Amino acid sequence: MKVSRSDFPEDFRFGVATSSYQIEGHAFGGAGRTQWDDFALTPGNVMRGENGATACDHYHRIDADLDLIRDLNADVYRFSTSWARVLPEGTGTPNAEGLDFYDRLVDGLLERGLKPAATLYHWELPVALLDRGGWRNGDMADWFADYTQVIMGRIGDRVWSAAPINEPWCVGWLSHFMGLHAPGVRDIRATARAMHHVLLAHGRSIQAMRSLGMSNLGAVCNFEWAEPIDRTEAAAKAAARYDAIYNRFFCGGLFKGEYPAEALEGLEPHLPQGWQDDFPTIREPVDWFGVNYYTRKLLAPTDGPWPSYAEHAGELPKTTMGWEVYPEGLYNILKRTHEEYTKGLPIFVTENGMSASDTLAADGSVPDPHRIDYIERHMTRVRDLIAEGVPVAGYYVWSLMDNFEWSLGYEKRFGLVHVDFDTLERTPKASYLALKEAFARA
């Protein structure tokens, strides 16, 4: 790898990321049922009907997995806590085993000289709250604040950073408009309310953590760079509409207290009454902003109902997810975020990585040259931005290990570490070894 720690400022943080349901093994430790457990039981929702019951069995292999992070020469481990593991019914009595598990996780990271970066929610909604409307219900913000008090009352004194919710677009649009993630709804009214309530819950969670005396709090959104399929005005409008829904809706709410007009065209009639009054809470100040980035999208207009656009495959090389490899999009997103929204706030690339067809070679190694190239090219653009004065403060690879990739089951592999899902044996890939060298301190 041609880029390394020495190319970045001394205080720049390198890390890896995972999420609870994707690796822990949700059948263990008294965790409650989640919307993903039921979603996976419905034929056609998840490839081969797979679920996160065992996943990577991180619950029982925590020490060996934390050793892998330490041996990578990483600075930060971005993990998520499971709402259903901490509060099996979503509210009420906490699960002591769940709290103990996250205690062990945080202490284990600190013992290894690693910085714990917690995310409170990565999509594992307790079914008891889904039965009460889930993210469509305005009470979710209060329930989430209560959950924040419980989990951060236990580990908040030791985490290095914390963010309430991973990727609000996925929680709102992907899960309630496109129906591709749990709970698998396709309803515009549910979408509008979920998109707003997830931001309101973010703000209430930040308030709860501040009340505990916590600092270094942020928000994490996923972005895709949107471009028109051609030079027509109609294509430009389609791309702007996609950008408004996917990117600017959430940044607008968090940092400007407003939603973009192109998104309100379709969503405003379905937003909850008095939604404008929630912006002071949504805009609770944060200390940093996290960007998850993987690809760009090319958009064309359609004659169908709003939002009246369609995604088109570009001509660039693609990952096994079918996503174009486009490092310039990360450069563009970070630059615009700094200039139009965060205005000097530290920005972290909280997820970046690629799925690839990784298999064990005869000698026991796992070659993944395409992933090495992908990471190198994206890290290079981050380095370029820092040289231009954009305050990018860290870069985290998704993911530490192959895991349960939601509706795609165990088919897609994003990990730096190969996982045999029959034996659960871990094997560091060539990308892990390359990054271990790149992250090493002189």
Protein backbone atom coordinates (compact mmCIF):
# COMPACT_ATOMS: atom_id res chain seq x y z
CA MET A 1 0.00 0.00 0.00
CA LYS A 2 1.44 3.34 -1.10
CA VAL A 3 -0.28 5.44 1.55
CA SER A 4 0.42 5.14 5.27
CA ARG A 5 0.07 6.79 8.66
CA SER A 6 3.04 9.05 7.96
CA ASP A 7 1.04 10.76 5.18
CA PHE A 8 -1.50 12.05 7.73
CA PRO A 9 -1.40 14.43 10.71
CA GLU A 10 -0.05 13.04 13.96
CA ASP A 11 -3.48 13.09 15.64
CA PHE A 12 -5.32 11.47 12.69
CA ARG A 13 -7.21 8.34 13.85
CA PHE A 14 -7.34 5.07 11.92
CA GLY A 15 -9.89 2.44 12.81
CA VAL A 16 -12.25 -0.34 11.87
CA ALA A 17 -16.01 -0.66 12.29
CA THR A 18 -18.63 -3.35 12.92
CA SER A 19 -22.22 -3.49 14.16
CA SER A 20 -23.83 -5.54 16.90
CA TYR A 21 -26.41 -7.65 15.05
CA GLN A 22 -24.01 -8.37 12.21
CA ILE A 23 -21.31 -9.99 14.36
CA GLU A 24 -22.34 -10.69 17.96
CA GLY A 25 -24.74 -13.62 17.72
CA HIS A 26 -28.11 -12.36 18.85
CA ALA A 27 -29.23 -15.72 20.23
CA PHE A 28 -26.78 -15.36 23.10
CA GLY A 29 -26.73 -13.42 26.35
CA GLY A 30 -30.42 -12.77 26.93
CA ALA A 31 -30.94 -10.42 23.99
CA GLY A 32 -34.53 -9.63 23.04
CA ARG A 33 -36.11 -10.27 19.67
CA THR A 34 -35.40 -7.70 16.94
CA GLN A 35 -37.20 -6.66 13.77
CA TRP A 36 -34.42 -8.39 11.81
CA ASP A 37 -35.18 -11.76 13.39
CA ASP A 38 -38.76 -11.61 12.11
CA PHE A 39 -37.85 -9.97 8.79
CA ALA A 40 -35.49 -12.87 8.05
CA LEU A 41 -38.26 -15.41 8.73
CA THR A 42 -40.38 -14.00 5.90
CA PRO A 43 -39.49 -15.81 2.65
CA GLY A 44 -37.76 -13.59 0.11
CA ASN A 45 -36.55 -10.94 2.54
CA VAL A 46 -33.08 -12.30 3.31
CA MET A 47 -30.93 -14.49 1.09
CA ARG A 48 -31.38 -18.15 2.07
CA GLY A 49 -33.42 -16.99 5.07
CA GLU A 50 -30.22 -16.33 7.04
CA ASN A 51 -30.16 -14.25 10.22
CA GLY A 52 -27.92 -12.93 12.96
CA ALA A 53 -28.64 -15.60 15.57
CA THR A 54 -25.02 -16.78 15.52
CA ALA A 55 -23.39 -14.38 13.04
CA CYS A 56 -19.64 -14.35 13.84
CA ASP A 57 -20.21 -15.41 17.47
CA HIS A 58 -18.35 -12.31 18.60
CA TYR A 59 -20.23 -12.65 21.88
CA HIS A 60 -18.07 -15.64 22.83
CA ARG A 61 -14.94 -14.73 20.81
CA ILE A 62 -14.62 -11.15 21.98
CA ASP A 63 -11.06 -11.37 23.31
CA ALA A 64 -9.60 -12.89 20.13
CA ASP A 65 -11.47 -10.35 18.00
CA LEU A 66 -10.19 -7.41 20.04
CA ASP A 67 -6.69 -8.81 19.66
CA LEU A 68 -7.18 -8.65 15.89
CA ILE A 69 -7.98 -4.94 16.15
CA ARG A 70 -4.98 -4.28 18.37
CA ASP A 71 -2.66 -6.24 16.07
CA LEU A 72 -3.92 -4.22 13.09
CA ASN A 73 -2.27 -1.15 14.67
CA ALA A 74 -5.64 0.61 14.65
CA ASP A 75 -6.42 3.50 16.98
CA VAL A 76 -10.21 3.26 17.16
CA TYR A 77 -12.85 0.55 17.16
CA ARG A 78 -16.28 1.75 16.07
CA PHE A 79 -18.88 -0.70 17.38
CA SER A 80 -22.59 -0.54 18.05
CA THR A 81 -24.63 -1.50 21.08
CA SER A 82 -27.83 -3.47 20.55
CA TRP A 83 -30.99 -1.85 21.91
CA ALA A 84 -32.63 -5.29 22.12
CA ARG A 85 -29.65 -6.76 23.99
CA VAL A 86 -29.71 -3.95 26.57
CA LEU A 87 -33.51 -3.61 26.83
CA PRO A 88 -35.14 -6.79 25.48
CA GLU A 89 -38.59 -5.17 25.44
CA GLY A 90 -37.29 -1.80 24.24
CA THR A 91 -38.23 -0.20 27.56
CA GLY A 92 -38.39 -1.39 31.14
CA THR A 93 -35.96 -3.70 32.91
CA PRO A 94 -32.42 -3.86 31.46
CA ASN A 95 -30.75 -7.16 30.64
CA ALA A 96 -27.85 -7.50 33.06
CA GLU A 97 -25.98 -9.89 30.74
CA GLY A 98 -26.19 -7.37 27.92
CA LEU A 99 -24.82 -4.53 30.02
CA ASP A 100 -22.05 -6.80 31.30
CA PHE A 101 -21.11 -7.71 27.73
CA TYR A 102 -20.62 -4.08 26.70
CA ASP A 103 -18.70 -3.47 29.92
CA ARG A 104 -16.30 -6.26 28.90
CA LEU A 105 -16.07 -4.88 25.37
CA VAL A 106 -15.15 -1.34 26.46
CA ASP A 107 -12.75 -2.51 29.14
CA GLY A 108 -11.13 -4.93 26.70
CA LEU A 109 -10.55 -2.13 24.20
CA LEU A 110 -9.03 0.15 26.81
CA GLU A 111 -6.77 -2.63 28.06
CA ARG A 112 -5.43 -2.96 24.51
CA GLY A 113 -4.87 0.77 24.08
CA LEU A 114 -7.81 1.18 21.69
CA LYS A 115 -10.35 4.00 21.67
CA PRO A 116 -13.99 2.80 21.99
CA ALA A 117 -16.26 4.62 19.52
CA ALA A 118 -19.85 3.66 20.29
CA THR A 119 -22.92 3.84 18.08
CA LEU A 120 -26.15 3.30 20.02
CA TYR A 121 -28.34 2.03 17.18
CA HIS A 122 -27.48 0.06 14.06
CA TRP A 123 -30.99 -1.08 13.05
CA GLU A 124 -31.75 -3.84 15.60
CA LEU A 125 -35.09 -2.40 16.77
CA PRO A 126 -36.76 -4.48 19.51
CA VAL A 127 -39.96 -6.04 18.14
CA ALA A 128 -41.90 -4.82 21.17
CA LEU A 129 -41.36 -1.27 19.88
CA LEU A 130 -42.09 -2.25 16.29
CA ASP A 131 -45.45 -3.51 17.56
CA ARG A 132 -46.06 0.02 18.83
CA GLY A 133 -45.32 1.56 15.44
CA GLY A 134 -41.55 1.64 15.51
CA TRP A 135 -40.01 4.68 13.86
CA ARG A 136 -43.46 5.87 12.72
CA ASN A 137 -44.30 6.57 16.37
CA GLY A 138 -43.28 9.98 17.70
CA ASP A 139 -42.67 8.43 21.13
CA MET A 140 -39.60 6.69 19.70
CA ALA A 141 -37.52 9.76 20.51
CA ASP A 142 -38.32 9.44 24.22
CA TRP A 143 -37.85 5.65 24.23
CA PHE A 144 -34.50 6.08 22.56
CA ALA A 145 -33.44 8.73 25.05
CA ASP A 146 -34.32 6.33 27.87
CA TYR A 147 -32.26 3.58 26.22
CA THR A 148 -29.40 6.05 25.87
CA GLN A 149 -29.53 6.75 29.59
CA VAL A 150 -29.37 3.04 30.39
CA ILE A 151 -26.48 2.01 28.15
CA MET A 152 -24.42 5.17 28.51
CA GLY A 153 -25.09 5.25 32.22
CA ARG A 154 -23.10 2.02 32.22
CA ILE A 155 -20.29 2.61 29.66
CA GLY A 156 -20.46 6.33 28.88
CA ASP A 157 -17.71 7.17 31.34
CA ARG A 158 -15.20 5.13 29.30
CA VAL A 159 -16.12 5.48 25.63
CA TRP A 160 -13.96 7.82 23.58
CA SER A 161 -16.77 8.93 21.28
CA ALA A 162 -20.46 8.20 20.80
CA ALA A 163 -23.09 8.72 18.11
CA PRO A 164 -26.78 7.90 18.50
CA ILE A 165 -27.88 6.37 15.18
CA ASN A 166 -26.09 4.84 12.21
CA GLU A 167 -27.27 5.95 8.75
CA PRO A 168 -30.67 7.63 9.17
CA TRP A 169 -31.36 7.20 5.43
CA CYS A 170 -31.34 3.42 5.89
CA VAL A 171 -33.57 3.63 8.95
CA GLY A 172 -36.06 5.85 7.13
CA TRP A 173 -36.01 5.53 3.35
CA LEU A 174 -34.45 2.12 2.67
CA SER A 175 -36.60 0.41 5.30
CA HIS A 176 -39.91 2.26 4.91
CA PHE A 177 -40.04 3.44 1.28
CA MET A 178 -38.01 0.84 -0.61
CA GLY A 179 -38.82 -1.92 1.87
CA LEU A 180 -35.43 -3.60 1.44
CA HIS A 181 -34.51 -3.61 5.13
CA ALA A 182 -36.55 -4.43 8.22
CA PRO A 183 -39.36 -3.76 8.83
CA GLY A 184 -39.82 -4.00 5.06
CA VAL A 185 -42.48 -1.30 4.69
CA ARG A 186 -43.26 0.46 1.41
CA ASP A 187 -45.35 3.45 2.43
CA ILE A 188 -44.58 7.13 1.91
CA ARG A 189 -46.34 8.28 5.09
CA ALA A 190 -44.37 5.81 7.20
CA THR A 191 -41.21 6.97 5.41
CA ALA A 192 -41.72 10.67 6.12
CA ARG A 193 -42.39 10.04 9.78
CA ALA A 194 -39.50 7.61 10.20
CA MET A 195 -37.07 10.04 8.53
CA HIS A 196 -38.14 12.83 10.85
CA HIS A 197 -38.42 10.78 14.04
CA VAL A 198 -34.98 9.25 13.62
CA LEU A 199 -33.48 12.76 13.61
CA LEU A 200 -35.59 13.77 16.60
CA ALA A 201 -34.37 10.65 18.43
CA HIS A 202 -30.81 11.62 17.58
CA GLY A 203 -31.29 15.00 19.23
CA ARG A 204 -32.93 13.55 22.33
CA SER A 205 -30.09 11.02 22.64
CA ILE A 206 -27.47 13.78 22.43
CA GLN A 207 -29.32 15.62 25.20
CA ALA A 208 -29.34 12.48 27.32
CA MET A 209 -25.61 11.92 26.87
CA ARG A 210 -24.83 15.56 27.67
CA SER A 211 -26.86 15.17 30.88
CA LEU A 212 -24.50 12.32 31.81
CA GLY A 213 -21.51 14.62 31.34
CA MET A 214 -20.36 12.96 28.13
CA SER A 215 -18.40 14.70 25.38
CA ASN A 216 -17.05 13.90 21.90
CA LEU A 217 -20.55 13.22 20.60
CA GLY A 218 -21.39 13.09 16.91
CA ALA A 219 -23.78 12.04 14.16
CA VAL A 220 -23.19 9.45 11.44
CA CYS A 221 -24.87 9.60 8.02
CA ASN A 222 -24.36 7.60 4.84
CA PHE A 223 -23.96 9.49 1.58
CA GLU A 224 -23.78 8.70 -2.11
CA TRP A 225 -22.54 11.19 -4.66
CA ALA A 226 -25.44 11.76 -7.08
CA GLU A 227 -24.87 12.61 -10.75
CA PRO A 228 -27.29 12.90 -13.70
CA ILE A 229 -27.16 10.19 -16.34
CA ASP A 230 -26.83 12.82 -19.08
CA ARG A 231 -26.79 16.58 -19.57
CA THR A 232 -30.54 17.08 -19.85
CA GLU A 233 -32.40 19.32 -17.43
CA ALA A 234 -34.70 16.45 -16.49
CA ALA A 235 -31.76 14.26 -15.48
CA ALA A 236 -30.24 17.10 -13.47
CA LYS A 237 -33.51 17.49 -11.56
CA ALA A 238 -33.69 13.75 -10.92
CA ALA A 239 -30.16 13.76 -9.51
CA ALA A 240 -30.95 16.80 -7.34
CA ARG A 241 -34.05 15.04 -6.00
CA TYR A 242 -32.03 11.91 -5.15
CA ASP A 243 -29.35 14.04 -3.50
CA ALA A 244 -32.01 15.86 -1.46
CA ILE A 245 -33.55 12.64 -0.17
CA TYR A 246 -30.36 10.66 0.36
CA ASN A 247 -27.93 13.34 1.52
CA ARG A 248 -29.26 16.84 2.10
CA PHE A 249 -32.39 15.89 4.07
CA PHE A 250 -30.34 14.69 7.02
CA CYS A 251 -27.56 17.28 6.87
CA GLY A 252 -30.19 19.98 6.46
CA GLY A 253 -32.04 18.85 9.54
CA LEU A 254 -28.95 18.38 11.68
CA PHE A 255 -27.10 21.57 10.78
CA LYS A 256 -29.57 24.05 9.26
CA GLY A 257 -32.88 23.19 10.87
CA GLU A 258 -34.59 22.72 7.53
CA TYR A 259 -35.32 20.07 4.91
CA PRO A 260 -34.56 20.59 1.19
CA ALA A 261 -37.45 21.64 -1.04
CA GLU A 262 -36.93 18.73 -3.45
CA ALA A 263 -37.52 16.25 -0.60
CA LEU A 264 -40.47 18.16 0.85
CA GLU A 265 -42.23 17.95 -2.54
CA GLY A 266 -43.18 14.39 -1.71
CA LEU A 267 -42.69 14.09 2.04
CA GLU A 268 -44.18 17.25 3.55
CA PRO A 269 -47.85 16.16 3.43
CA HIS A 270 -46.93 13.09 5.47
CA LEU A 271 -44.69 14.63 8.13
CA PRO A 272 -46.09 14.69 11.68
CA GLN A 273 -48.00 17.75 12.83
CA GLY A 274 -45.70 20.43 14.20
CA TRP A 275 -42.58 18.87 12.70
CA GLN A 276 -40.95 22.27 12.25
CA ASP A 277 -40.97 22.75 16.03
CA ASP A 278 -38.60 19.78 16.48
CA PHE A 279 -35.59 21.37 14.80
CA PRO A 280 -34.13 22.93 17.98
CA THR A 281 -33.85 19.39 19.39
CA ILE A 282 -32.63 17.88 16.11
CA ARG A 283 -29.95 20.60 15.94
CA GLU A 284 -28.44 19.79 19.33
CA PRO A 285 -24.75 20.70 18.85
CA VAL A 286 -22.39 17.84 18.06
CA ASP A 287 -18.61 17.68 18.40
CA TRP A 288 -17.91 15.86 15.12
CA PHE A 289 -19.64 14.44 12.08
CA GLY A 290 -19.26 10.96 10.60
CA VAL A 291 -19.58 10.14 6.89
CA ASN A 292 -20.18 6.61 5.59
CA TYR A 293 -19.34 6.44 1.88
CA TYR A 294 -19.12 3.62 -0.64
CA THR A 295 -20.17 4.72 -4.13
CA ARG A 296 -21.86 7.20 -6.46
CA LYS A 297 -25.22 6.87 -8.22
CA LEU A 298 -26.25 7.91 -11.73
CA LEU A 299 -29.85 9.11 -11.96
CA ALA A 300 -32.35 9.38 -14.81
CA PRO A 301 -35.89 10.79 -14.78
CA THR A 302 -38.92 8.50 -15.00
CA ASP A 303 -42.61 9.02 -15.69
CA GLY A 304 -43.65 7.24 -12.50
CA PRO A 305 -44.86 8.77 -9.24
CA TRP A 306 -42.63 10.89 -7.03
CA PRO A 307 -39.66 10.80 -6.62
CA SER A 308 -39.66 10.01 -10.37
CA TYR A 309 -36.09 8.83 -10.80
CA ALA A 310 -34.28 5.59 -11.57
CA GLU A 311 -30.74 4.50 -10.78
CA HIS A 312 -28.51 3.40 -13.65
CA ALA A 313 -25.33 1.35 -13.60
CA GLY A 314 -22.28 3.35 -14.56
CA GLU A 315 -19.29 2.20 -16.57
CA LEU A 316 -16.70 2.22 -13.77
CA PRO A 317 -15.37 -0.99 -12.15
CA LYS A 318 -17.78 -2.36 -9.55
CA THR A 319 -17.64 -4.25 -6.28
CA THR A 320 -19.57 -7.49 -5.78
CA MET A 321 -22.40 -5.30 -4.46
CA GLY A 322 -22.65 -3.82 -7.94
CA TRP A 323 -21.43 -0.45 -6.64
CA GLU A 324 -19.07 1.65 -8.72
CA VAL A 325 -15.62 2.32 -7.30
CA TYR A 326 -15.50 6.13 -7.29
CA PRO A 327 -13.11 7.70 -4.77
CA GLU A 328 -13.82 11.14 -6.23
CA GLY A 329 -17.29 10.88 -4.71
CA LEU A 330 -15.82 10.66 -1.21
CA TYR A 331 -13.72 13.75 -1.96
CA ASN A 332 -16.79 15.62 -3.23
CA ILE A 333 -19.02 14.60 -0.30
CA LEU A 334 -16.50 15.53 2.37
CA LYS A 335 -15.68 18.85 0.74
CA ARG A 336 -19.33 19.84 0.36
CA THR A 337 -20.21 18.68 3.87
CA HIS A 338 -17.45 20.88 5.30
CA GLU A 339 -18.28 23.92 3.19
CA GLU A 340 -22.10 23.83 3.40
CA TYR A 341 -22.94 22.14 6.71
CA THR A 342 -20.29 21.36 9.31
CA LYS A 343 -18.12 24.45 8.71
CA GLY A 344 -14.92 23.46 10.50
CA LEU A 345 -16.27 20.65 12.68
CA PRO A 346 -14.01 17.56 12.64
CA ILE A 347 -15.22 15.02 10.08
CA PHE A 348 -14.54 11.31 10.33
CA VAL A 349 -14.93 8.80 7.53
CA THR A 350 -16.77 6.38 9.79
CA GLU A 351 -17.27 3.70 7.11
CA ASN A 352 -15.53 2.99 3.82
CA GLY A 353 -14.74 -0.36 2.24
CA MET A 354 -15.81 -2.87 -0.38
CA SER A 355 -17.30 -6.30 -0.81
CA ALA A 356 -15.24 -8.75 -2.84
CA SER A 357 -15.13 -12.43 -3.73
CA ASP A 358 -12.67 -13.50 -1.07
CA THR A 359 -11.72 -17.17 -0.79
CA LEU A 360 -9.04 -19.08 1.04
CA ALA A 361 -6.09 -19.98 -1.18
CA ALA A 362 -4.37 -23.36 -1.02
CA ASP A 363 -1.65 -21.91 1.20
CA GLY A 364 -4.22 -20.61 3.70
CA SER A 365 -3.95 -16.95 2.64
CA VAL A 366 -6.82 -14.76 1.44
CA PRO A 367 -5.72 -12.53 -1.46
CA ASP A 368 -7.92 -9.44 -1.94
CA PRO A 369 -5.95 -7.02 -4.15
CA HIS A 370 -9.08 -5.14 -5.26
CA ARG A 371 -9.87 -4.20 -1.65
CA ILE A 372 -6.31 -2.99 -1.07
CA ASP A 373 -6.59 -0.81 -4.17
CA TYR A 374 -10.04 0.49 -3.12
CA ILE A 375 -8.88 1.50 0.37
CA GLU A 376 -5.66 3.02 -0.91
CA ARG A 377 -7.45 5.19 -3.47
CA HIS A 378 -9.99 6.45 -0.95
CA MET A 379 -7.37 7.14 1.72
CA THR A 380 -5.41 9.10 -0.87
CA ARG A 381 -8.39 11.39 -1.53
CA VAL A 382 -8.77 11.93 2.22
CA ARG A 383 -5.10 12.90 2.39
CA ASP A 384 -5.67 15.36 -0.47
CA LEU A 385 -8.58 16.98 1.34
CA ILE A 386 -6.56 17.46 4.51
CA ALA A 387 -3.87 19.19 2.44
CA GLU A 388 -6.60 21.56 1.19
CA GLY A 389 -7.64 22.43 4.73
CA VAL A 390 -10.72 20.21 5.14
CA PRO A 391 -10.68 18.97 8.79
CA VAL A 392 -10.93 15.23 8.22
CA ALA A 393 -9.83 13.69 11.51
CA GLY A 394 -10.09 9.94 10.97
CA TYR A 395 -10.72 7.05 8.61
CA TYR A 396 -12.41 3.77 9.62
CA VAL A 397 -12.61 0.73 7.38
CA TRP A 398 -15.81 -1.27 7.04
CA SER A 399 -15.46 -3.93 8.19
CA LEU A 400 -13.19 -5.70 10.63
CA MET A 401 -14.55 -9.09 9.58
CA ASP A 402 -16.97 -10.73 7.16
CA ASN A 403 -20.42 -10.72 8.72
CA PHE A 404 -24.20 -10.87 8.29
CA GLU A 405 -24.83 -8.41 5.47
CA TRP A 406 -28.52 -7.78 6.22
CA SER A 407 -30.87 -8.77 3.37
CA LEU A 408 -27.91 -10.31 1.53
CA GLY A 409 -27.20 -12.76 4.34
CA TYR A 410 -23.65 -14.06 4.45
CA GLU A 411 -23.15 -13.75 0.69
CA LYS A 412 -21.22 -10.47 0.58
CA ARG A 413 -17.85 -10.12 2.27
CA PHE A 414 -16.62 -6.69 3.39
CA GLY A 415 -14.15 -7.87 6.01
CA LEU A 416 -10.44 -7.37 6.43
CA VAL A 417 -10.64 -10.72 8.19
CA HIS A 418 -12.13 -13.76 6.45
CA VAL A 419 -14.73 -15.70 8.47
CA ASP A 420 -15.58 -19.31 7.70
CA PHE A 421 -19.27 -19.30 8.63
CA ASP A 422 -19.25 -23.07 9.23
CA THR A 423 -16.30 -23.18 11.63
CA LEU A 424 -16.21 -19.43 12.47
CA GLU A 425 -12.43 -19.51 12.02
CA ARG A 426 -10.89 -16.07 11.40
CA THR A 427 -8.17 -15.59 8.78
CA PRO A 428 -6.64 -12.13 8.19
CA LYS A 429 -6.79 -11.22 4.49
CA ALA A 430 -4.03 -9.59 2.47
CA SER A 431 -5.78 -6.25 3.04
CA TYR A 432 -5.51 -6.72 6.81
CA LEU A 433 -1.78 -7.35 6.51
CA ALA A 434 -1.33 -4.37 4.19
CA LEU A 435 -3.20 -2.05 6.56
CA LYS A 436 -1.33 -3.42 9.55
CA GLU A 437 1.83 -2.17 7.91
CA ALA A 438 0.24 1.11 6.76
CA PHE A 439 -1.19 1.87 10.24
CA ALA A 440 2.08 1.10 12.04
CA ARG A 441 3.77 3.98 13.80
CA ALA A 442 7.32 4.82 12.83
